């Protein structure tokens, strides 16, 4: 999907479907991992709880990368 993705990752897009709560993702904007806690607009907007604590982050779905074992069906 995304030409800059590394092996084992796939860009999250509306076409790929909304990530499920609990899905582990890489936050491009923040440069860290987290887990999806909520989605809206079919995955266009996501709320992610960063690993290691801190406030939840609201971001666009295309600002995330799924880890390989967390792809939507």
Protein backbone atom coordinates (compact mmCIF):
# COMPACT_ATOMS: atom_id res chain seq x y z
CA UNK A 1 0.00 0.00 0.00
CA UNK A 2 2.30 2.76 1.17
CA UNK A 3 5.64 2.85 -0.59
CA UNK A 4 7.43 3.95 2.59
CA UNK A 5 6.12 1.10 4.75
CA UNK A 6 8.56 -1.47 6.02
CA UNK A 7 8.01 -5.24 5.77
CA UNK A 8 5.44 -6.40 8.29
CA UNK A 9 3.50 -3.13 8.24
CA UNK A 10 0.63 -1.85 6.15
CA UNK A 11 -0.76 1.66 5.97
CA UNK A 12 -4.17 2.12 7.55
CA UNK A 13 -6.61 3.65 5.09
CA UNK A 14 -10.38 3.90 4.82
CA UNK A 15 -10.22 1.25 2.08
CA UNK A 16 -8.45 -1.14 4.45
CA UNK A 17 -11.27 -0.83 7.00
CA UNK A 18 -11.42 0.50 10.51
CA UNK A 19 -8.96 -0.91 13.02
CA UNK A 20 -10.55 -2.82 15.88
CA UNK A 21 -10.11 -1.60 19.44
CA UNK A 22 -6.96 -3.15 20.85
CA UNK A 23 -5.14 -3.15 17.49
CA UNK A 24 -1.45 -2.33 17.95
CA UNK A 25 -0.30 0.51 15.70
CA UNK A 26 2.68 2.78 15.03
CA UNK A 27 1.88 6.49 15.39
CA UNK A 28 3.74 8.22 12.55
CA UNK A 29 3.26 11.70 13.97
CA UNK A 30 4.54 10.80 17.46
CA UNK A 31 7.07 8.13 16.50
CA UNK A 32 5.82 5.57 19.03
CA UNK A 33 3.56 2.55 19.42
CA UNK A 34 0.08 2.46 20.85
CA UNK A 35 -3.26 0.64 20.80
CA UNK A 36 -6.49 1.79 19.18
CA UNK A 37 -9.17 2.52 21.78
CA UNK A 38 -11.88 3.98 19.51
CA UNK A 39 -12.62 4.77 15.86
CA UNK A 40 -15.07 7.03 14.06
CA UNK A 41 -16.13 7.65 10.48
CA UNK A 42 -15.25 4.11 9.38
CA UNK A 43 -11.66 4.38 10.55
CA UNK A 44 -10.95 7.86 9.21
CA UNK A 45 -10.51 9.10 12.79
CA UNK A 46 -8.88 7.03 15.52
CA UNK A 47 -8.13 7.47 19.20
CA UNK A 48 -4.93 5.73 20.26
CA UNK A 49 -3.55 5.11 23.75
CA UNK A 50 0.25 5.37 23.51
CA UNK A 51 2.38 2.62 25.03
CA UNK A 52 4.10 3.83 28.17
CA UNK A 53 1.28 6.12 29.22
CA UNK A 54 0.29 9.66 28.45
CA UNK A 55 -2.94 11.11 27.13
CA UNK A 56 -4.85 9.42 24.32
CA UNK A 57 -4.00 10.75 20.85
CA UNK A 58 -6.65 11.56 18.24
CA UNK A 59 -5.40 11.17 14.69
CA UNK A 60 -6.41 10.38 11.15
CA UNK A 61 -6.42 6.72 10.17
CA UNK A 62 -3.77 7.32 7.52
CA UNK A 63 -1.35 8.55 10.21
CA UNK A 64 -1.11 4.99 11.58
CA UNK A 65 0.57 1.76 10.55
CA UNK A 66 -0.81 -1.60 11.66
CA UNK A 67 1.61 -4.16 12.89
CA UNK A 68 1.53 -7.26 10.69
CA UNK A 69 -0.58 -9.41 13.04
CA UNK A 70 -3.25 -6.70 13.47
CA UNK A 71 -4.62 -6.23 9.94
CA UNK A 72 -8.38 -5.96 9.60
CA UNK A 73 -10.14 -8.83 7.84
